[in-house]
Amino acid sequence: MSVHSTAIVHTGAKLHPTVKVGPFAIIGEHVEIGANTSVGAHSVIEGHTTIGEDNVIHPSVIIGAPPQDLKYKGERTFVKIGNANHFREFTTVHLAEGEGHSTVIGDGNLFMAYVHIAHNCHVGDYNIMSNCTTLAGHVEIGNRAVLGGFTGIHQFCKVGSMVMIGGMSKIVKDVPPFIKIDGNPARVVGLNAVGLRRNNLSKESIASIKELYKVFFRSEMNVSQVMSKWSELVNAEDENVKLFYNFVKNAKRGVYKRTRRSSSASEE
């Protein structure tokens, strides 16, 4: 284990022998860190925090600090982080509130400088959050989404997989999978077709999603009407179409539907 002489590591912390800890970093009593993870200078990891393997924690990152929630009274809560994530400078990840609850981050995510992950958030795998993106409490992010810089997401909102959110957007409802959304107030601006191709979806599945997009976002039917005729309107057997359906079915805050009129090129 490589721990700089100025770092403070509690004797109760559990660090794999391959962990590297930089100058003036602080690691608390209830922290567990897996193999090949590095902790940069001046970073602080505290609380009941578990971090997996191959993570890169850059200088001045704060993980496991108490939540910014007045309901929190010091109960035992957790941060659980998977493998191969990158946390750039001044990123903050807070403990959950509510006895036994967790803030959860999956694998392979990139959190650029000054990103904030609030209490009880659940972040999936291979997402990119640009500088100063802010997730309020209880936000859920799917997989392989891209969130532009300075984006703010309201508490309890969900963002679907392979979504692209433009910089400085304000998100106050659930964002269905596969779309591009931008603005304040936010509007759907097209299908994230480039993202679908980059994530190696089949041509058949992309074609099904494109048809779904036209039905859901371009027709005059409301959400309830589309959902009631789902199997008649789209390829309901496609796995990604099923993902979209289940996301909308389980939405709690309503979903973005109406679009800002854009050229057909943005949807191809």
Protein backbone atom coordinates (compact mmCIF):
# COMPACT_ATOMS: atom_id res chain seq x y z
CA MET A 1 0.00 0.00 0.00
CA SER A 2 1.30 3.46 -0.91
CA VAL A 3 0.13 6.09 1.59
CA HIS A 4 1.78 9.51 1.62
CA SER A 5 3.29 10.48 4.95
CA THR A 6 0.96 13.48 5.29
CA ALA A 7 -2.24 11.50 4.65
CA ILE A 8 -4.47 10.51 7.58
CA VAL A 9 -5.91 7.00 7.34
CA HIS A 10 -7.96 5.74 10.28
CA THR A 11 -6.73 2.44 11.68
CA GLY A 12 -10.24 1.02 11.19
CA ALA A 13 -10.31 1.74 7.45
CA LYS A 14 -9.96 -1.27 5.14
CA LEU A 15 -7.74 -0.56 2.14
CA HIS A 16 -6.53 -3.13 -0.37
CA PRO A 17 -2.71 -3.37 -0.44
CA THR A 18 -2.64 -1.86 -3.96
CA VAL A 19 -4.49 1.34 -2.97
CA LYS A 20 -2.59 4.62 -3.37
CA VAL A 21 -3.33 7.60 -1.10
CA GLY A 22 -1.95 11.05 -1.95
CA PRO A 23 -0.74 13.93 0.23
CA PHE A 24 -3.06 15.33 2.90
CA ALA A 25 -5.90 12.95 2.01
CA ILE A 26 -8.16 11.85 4.87
CA ILE A 27 -9.82 8.42 5.04
CA GLY A 28 -12.30 7.65 7.80
CA GLU A 29 -12.89 4.70 10.08
CA HIS A 30 -15.71 2.99 8.18
CA VAL A 31 -14.25 3.27 4.67
CA GLU A 32 -13.44 0.27 2.47
CA ILE A 33 -11.46 0.72 -0.76
CA GLY A 34 -10.77 -1.99 -3.33
CA ALA A 35 -7.77 -2.92 -5.44
CA ASN A 36 -5.90 -0.46 -7.66
CA THR A 37 -7.94 2.55 -6.57
CA SER A 38 -6.06 5.83 -6.12
CA VAL A 39 -7.07 8.68 -3.82
CA GLY A 40 -5.71 12.10 -4.79
CA ALA A 41 -4.24 14.84 -2.64
CA HIS A 42 -6.55 16.61 -0.18
CA SER A 43 -9.45 14.25 -0.90
CA VAL A 44 -11.68 13.25 2.01
CA ILE A 45 -13.48 9.89 2.18
CA GLU A 46 -15.61 9.39 5.26
CA GLY A 47 -18.85 7.82 6.50
CA HIS A 48 -19.82 4.21 5.80
CA THR A 49 -18.38 4.27 2.31
CA THR A 50 -17.45 1.30 0.13
CA ILE A 51 -15.43 1.90 -3.04
CA GLY A 52 -14.62 -0.87 -5.51
CA GLU A 53 -11.62 -1.53 -7.74
CA ASP A 54 -9.77 0.60 -10.31
CA ASN A 55 -11.36 3.91 -9.34
CA VAL A 56 -9.44 7.14 -9.84
CA ILE A 57 -10.25 9.80 -7.25
CA HIS A 58 -8.56 13.05 -8.20
CA PRO A 59 -7.48 15.77 -5.75
CA SER A 60 -9.99 17.53 -3.49
CA VAL A 61 -12.86 15.08 -3.96
CA ILE A 62 -15.31 14.61 -1.06
CA ILE A 63 -17.06 11.23 -0.72
CA GLY A 64 -19.29 10.15 2.16
CA ALA A 65 -19.96 13.53 3.72
CA PRO A 66 -23.28 14.02 5.56
CA PRO A 67 -26.22 14.87 3.28
CA GLN A 68 -27.45 18.42 2.86
CA ASP A 69 -30.87 17.40 4.17
CA LEU A 70 -32.40 18.69 7.39
CA LYS A 71 -34.09 15.31 7.94
CA TYR A 72 -30.70 13.69 8.48
CA LYS A 73 -30.04 13.13 12.18
CA GLY A 74 -26.84 11.12 12.05
CA GLU A 75 -28.44 7.73 11.32
CA ARG A 76 -26.28 5.01 9.77
CA THR A 77 -26.39 5.41 6.00
CA PHE A 78 -24.05 4.49 3.18
CA VAL A 79 -22.24 5.36 -0.03
CA LYS A 80 -21.63 2.38 -2.33
CA ILE A 81 -19.41 2.85 -5.39
CA GLY A 82 -18.53 0.22 -7.99
CA ASN A 83 -15.45 -0.14 -10.20
CA ALA A 84 -13.48 1.94 -12.70
CA ASN A 85 -15.08 5.32 -12.01
CA HIS A 86 -13.26 8.63 -12.42
CA PHE A 87 -14.01 11.45 -9.98
CA ARG A 88 -12.44 14.72 -11.08
CA GLU A 89 -11.54 17.62 -8.84
CA PHE A 90 -14.04 18.91 -6.27
CA THR A 91 -16.68 16.29 -7.02
CA THR A 92 -18.91 15.61 -4.00
CA VAL A 93 -20.85 12.41 -3.22
CA HIS A 94 -23.01 12.49 -0.08
CA LEU A 95 -24.32 9.85 2.26
CA ALA A 96 -27.99 8.90 2.04
CA GLU A 97 -30.58 9.99 4.58
CA GLY A 98 -32.85 7.46 6.28
CA GLU A 99 -31.56 4.58 8.39
CA GLY A 100 -29.93 1.90 6.24
CA HIS A 101 -30.35 3.73 2.92
CA SER A 102 -27.58 4.23 0.36
CA THR A 103 -26.28 6.56 -2.29
CA VAL A 104 -25.20 4.20 -5.09
CA ILE A 105 -22.85 4.62 -8.05
CA GLY A 106 -22.20 1.81 -10.54
CA ASP A 107 -19.21 1.17 -12.82
CA GLY A 108 -17.27 3.11 -15.41
CA ASN A 109 -18.71 6.58 -14.83
CA LEU A 110 -16.90 9.86 -15.43
CA PHE A 111 -17.72 12.72 -13.07
CA MET A 112 -16.02 15.89 -14.25
CA ALA A 113 -14.97 18.71 -11.94
CA TYR A 114 -17.50 20.07 -9.41
CA VAL A 115 -20.18 17.45 -10.07
CA HIS A 116 -22.50 16.95 -7.07
CA ILE A 117 -24.22 13.64 -6.30
CA ALA A 118 -26.70 14.26 -3.49
CA HIS A 119 -28.13 11.89 -0.91
CA ASN A 120 -29.98 8.75 -2.00
CA CYS A 121 -29.07 9.13 -5.67
CA HIS A 122 -28.64 6.01 -7.81
CA VAL A 123 -26.29 6.32 -10.78
CA GLY A 124 -25.92 3.40 -13.19
CA ASP A 125 -22.97 2.50 -15.42
CA TYR A 126 -20.84 4.33 -18.01
CA ASN A 127 -22.45 7.73 -17.63
CA ILE A 128 -20.66 11.02 -18.27
CA MET A 129 -21.49 14.08 -16.19
CA SER A 130 -19.82 17.27 -17.35
CA ASN A 131 -18.54 20.03 -15.11
CA CYS A 132 -20.88 21.35 -12.41
CA THR A 133 -23.71 18.91 -13.12
CA THR A 134 -25.88 18.76 -9.99
CA LEU A 135 -28.13 15.88 -8.94
CA ALA A 136 -30.57 16.70 -6.14
CA GLY A 137 -31.64 14.04 -3.65
CA HIS A 138 -33.13 10.71 -4.80
CA VAL A 139 -32.30 11.27 -8.48
CA GLU A 140 -31.83 8.14 -10.60
CA ILE A 141 -29.63 7.98 -13.71
CA GLY A 142 -29.70 4.96 -16.04
CA ASN A 143 -26.74 3.74 -18.11
CA ARG A 144 -24.60 5.46 -20.74
CA ALA A 145 -26.27 8.85 -20.41
CA VAL A 146 -24.41 12.12 -21.08
CA LEU A 147 -25.27 15.15 -18.96
CA GLY A 148 -24.01 18.52 -20.17
CA GLY A 149 -22.22 20.99 -17.93
CA PHE A 150 -24.19 23.00 -15.32
CA THR A 151 -27.24 20.77 -15.76
CA GLY A 152 -29.49 20.74 -12.69
CA ILE A 153 -31.82 17.81 -11.97
CA HIS A 154 -34.72 18.19 -9.54
CA GLN A 155 -35.09 15.79 -6.63
CA PHE A 156 -36.74 12.41 -7.32
CA CYS A 157 -36.36 12.77 -11.11
CA LYS A 158 -35.20 9.86 -13.26
CA VAL A 159 -33.06 10.03 -16.40
CA GLY A 160 -33.22 7.07 -18.77
CA SER A 161 -30.39 5.21 -20.45
CA MET A 162 -28.57 6.68 -23.44
CA VAL A 163 -30.06 10.12 -22.91
CA MET A 164 -28.12 13.23 -23.87
CA ILE A 165 -28.90 16.40 -21.89
CA GLY A 166 -27.64 19.73 -23.19
CA GLY A 167 -25.54 21.99 -20.99
CA MET A 168 -27.25 24.31 -18.49
CA SER A 169 -30.56 22.43 -18.78
CA LYS A 170 -33.14 22.40 -15.99
CA ILE A 171 -34.73 18.97 -15.53
CA VAL A 172 -37.91 18.81 -13.42
CA LYS A 173 -39.61 15.69 -14.87
CA ASP A 174 -38.49 12.20 -15.83
CA VAL A 175 -36.48 11.96 -19.07
CA PRO A 176 -37.31 8.83 -21.13
CA PRO A 177 -34.45 6.76 -22.62
CA PHE A 178 -32.75 7.41 -25.96
CA ILE A 179 -33.60 11.09 -26.45
CA LYS A 180 -31.83 14.43 -26.60
CA ILE A 181 -33.21 17.15 -24.34
CA ASP A 182 -32.05 20.71 -23.83
CA GLY A 183 -32.94 24.06 -22.34
CA ASN A 184 -34.59 25.89 -19.47
CA PRO A 185 -37.40 24.99 -19.58
CA ALA A 186 -36.19 21.72 -21.06
CA ARG A 187 -37.63 20.44 -24.35
CA VAL A 188 -37.09 17.23 -26.30
CA VAL A 189 -35.01 18.13 -29.35
CA GLY A 190 -34.54 14.78 -31.04
CA LEU A 191 -33.52 11.17 -30.86
CA ASN A 192 -30.00 10.45 -29.59
CA ALA A 193 -29.26 8.46 -32.71
CA VAL A 194 -25.49 8.97 -32.49
CA GLY A 195 -25.54 7.65 -28.93
CA LEU A 196 -27.50 4.59 -30.00
CA ARG A 197 -24.94 3.76 -32.68
CA ARG A 198 -21.98 4.40 -30.37
CA ASN A 199 -23.47 1.97 -27.87
CA ASN A 200 -23.65 -0.73 -30.55
CA LEU A 201 -27.38 -1.20 -30.72
CA SER A 202 -28.42 -3.31 -33.68
CA LYS A 203 -29.82 -1.69 -36.80
CA GLU A 204 -33.10 -3.45 -36.14
CA SER A 205 -33.35 -2.10 -32.61
CA ILE A 206 -32.45 1.42 -33.72
CA ALA A 207 -35.18 1.23 -36.38
CA SER A 208 -37.68 0.18 -33.70
CA ILE A 209 -36.62 3.05 -31.45
CA LYS A 210 -36.94 5.54 -34.30
CA GLU A 211 -40.50 4.36 -34.95
CA LEU A 212 -41.22 4.58 -31.22
CA TYR A 213 -39.88 8.14 -31.17
CA LYS A 214 -42.21 9.24 -33.96
CA VAL A 215 -45.24 7.69 -32.24
CA PHE A 216 -44.48 8.92 -28.72
CA PHE A 217 -43.00 12.34 -29.37
CA ARG A 218 -44.39 13.44 -32.74
CA SER A 219 -47.97 12.20 -32.72
CA GLU A 220 -50.91 14.15 -31.29
CA MET A 221 -51.71 11.35 -28.84
CA ASN A 222 -51.07 11.95 -25.16
CA VAL A 223 -49.04 9.56 -23.01
CA SER A 224 -52.05 7.55 -21.83
CA GLN A 225 -53.31 7.08 -25.38
CA VAL A 226 -49.94 5.91 -26.65
CA MET A 227 -49.48 3.49 -23.76
CA SER A 228 -52.96 2.00 -24.21
CA LYS A 229 -52.21 1.16 -27.87
CA TRP A 230 -48.55 0.32 -27.38
CA SER A 231 -48.41 -3.10 -29.04
CA GLU A 232 -50.34 -1.80 -32.05
CA LEU A 233 -48.07 1.20 -32.60
CA VAL A 234 -44.52 -0.05 -32.00
CA ASN A 235 -42.37 -3.18 -32.05
CA ALA A 236 -43.23 -4.14 -28.49
CA GLU A 237 -40.99 -7.23 -28.55
CA ASP A 238 -37.76 -5.27 -28.95
CA GLU A 239 -35.83 -5.23 -25.65
CA ASN A 240 -35.03 -1.52 -25.85
CA VAL A 241 -38.63 -0.68 -26.67
CA LYS A 242 -39.59 -2.66 -23.56
CA LEU A 243 -37.07 -0.61 -21.58
CA PHE A 244 -38.72 2.60 -22.79
CA TYR A 245 -42.21 1.30 -22.00
CA ASN A 246 -41.29 0.28 -18.45
CA PHE A 247 -39.58 3.60 -17.82
CA VAL A 248 -42.67 5.59 -18.83
CA LYS A 249 -45.03 3.20 -17.03
CA ASN A 250 -43.11 3.65 -13.76
CA ALA A 251 -42.53 7.40 -14.01
CA LYS A 252 -43.62 9.28 -10.89
CA ARG A 253 -43.10 12.90 -11.92
CA GLY A 254 -44.49 12.75 -15.46
CA VAL A 255 -42.27 12.52 -18.52
CA TYR A 256 -41.08 15.00 -21.10
CA LYS A 257 -43.06 14.50 -24.30
CA ARG A 258 -43.65 17.61 -26.37
CA THR A 259 -40.77 18.53 -28.63
CA ARG A 260 -39.15 21.68 -29.84
CA ARG A 261 -39.55 21.46 -33.58
CA SER A 262 -36.22 20.52 -35.11
CA SER A 263 -34.90 19.41 -38.45
CA SER A 264 -35.27 15.79 -39.41
CA ALA A 265 -31.49 15.57 -39.55
CA SER A 266 -31.32 15.70 -35.75
CA GLU A 267 -33.29 12.48 -35.52
CA GLU A 268 -31.26 10.42 -37.96
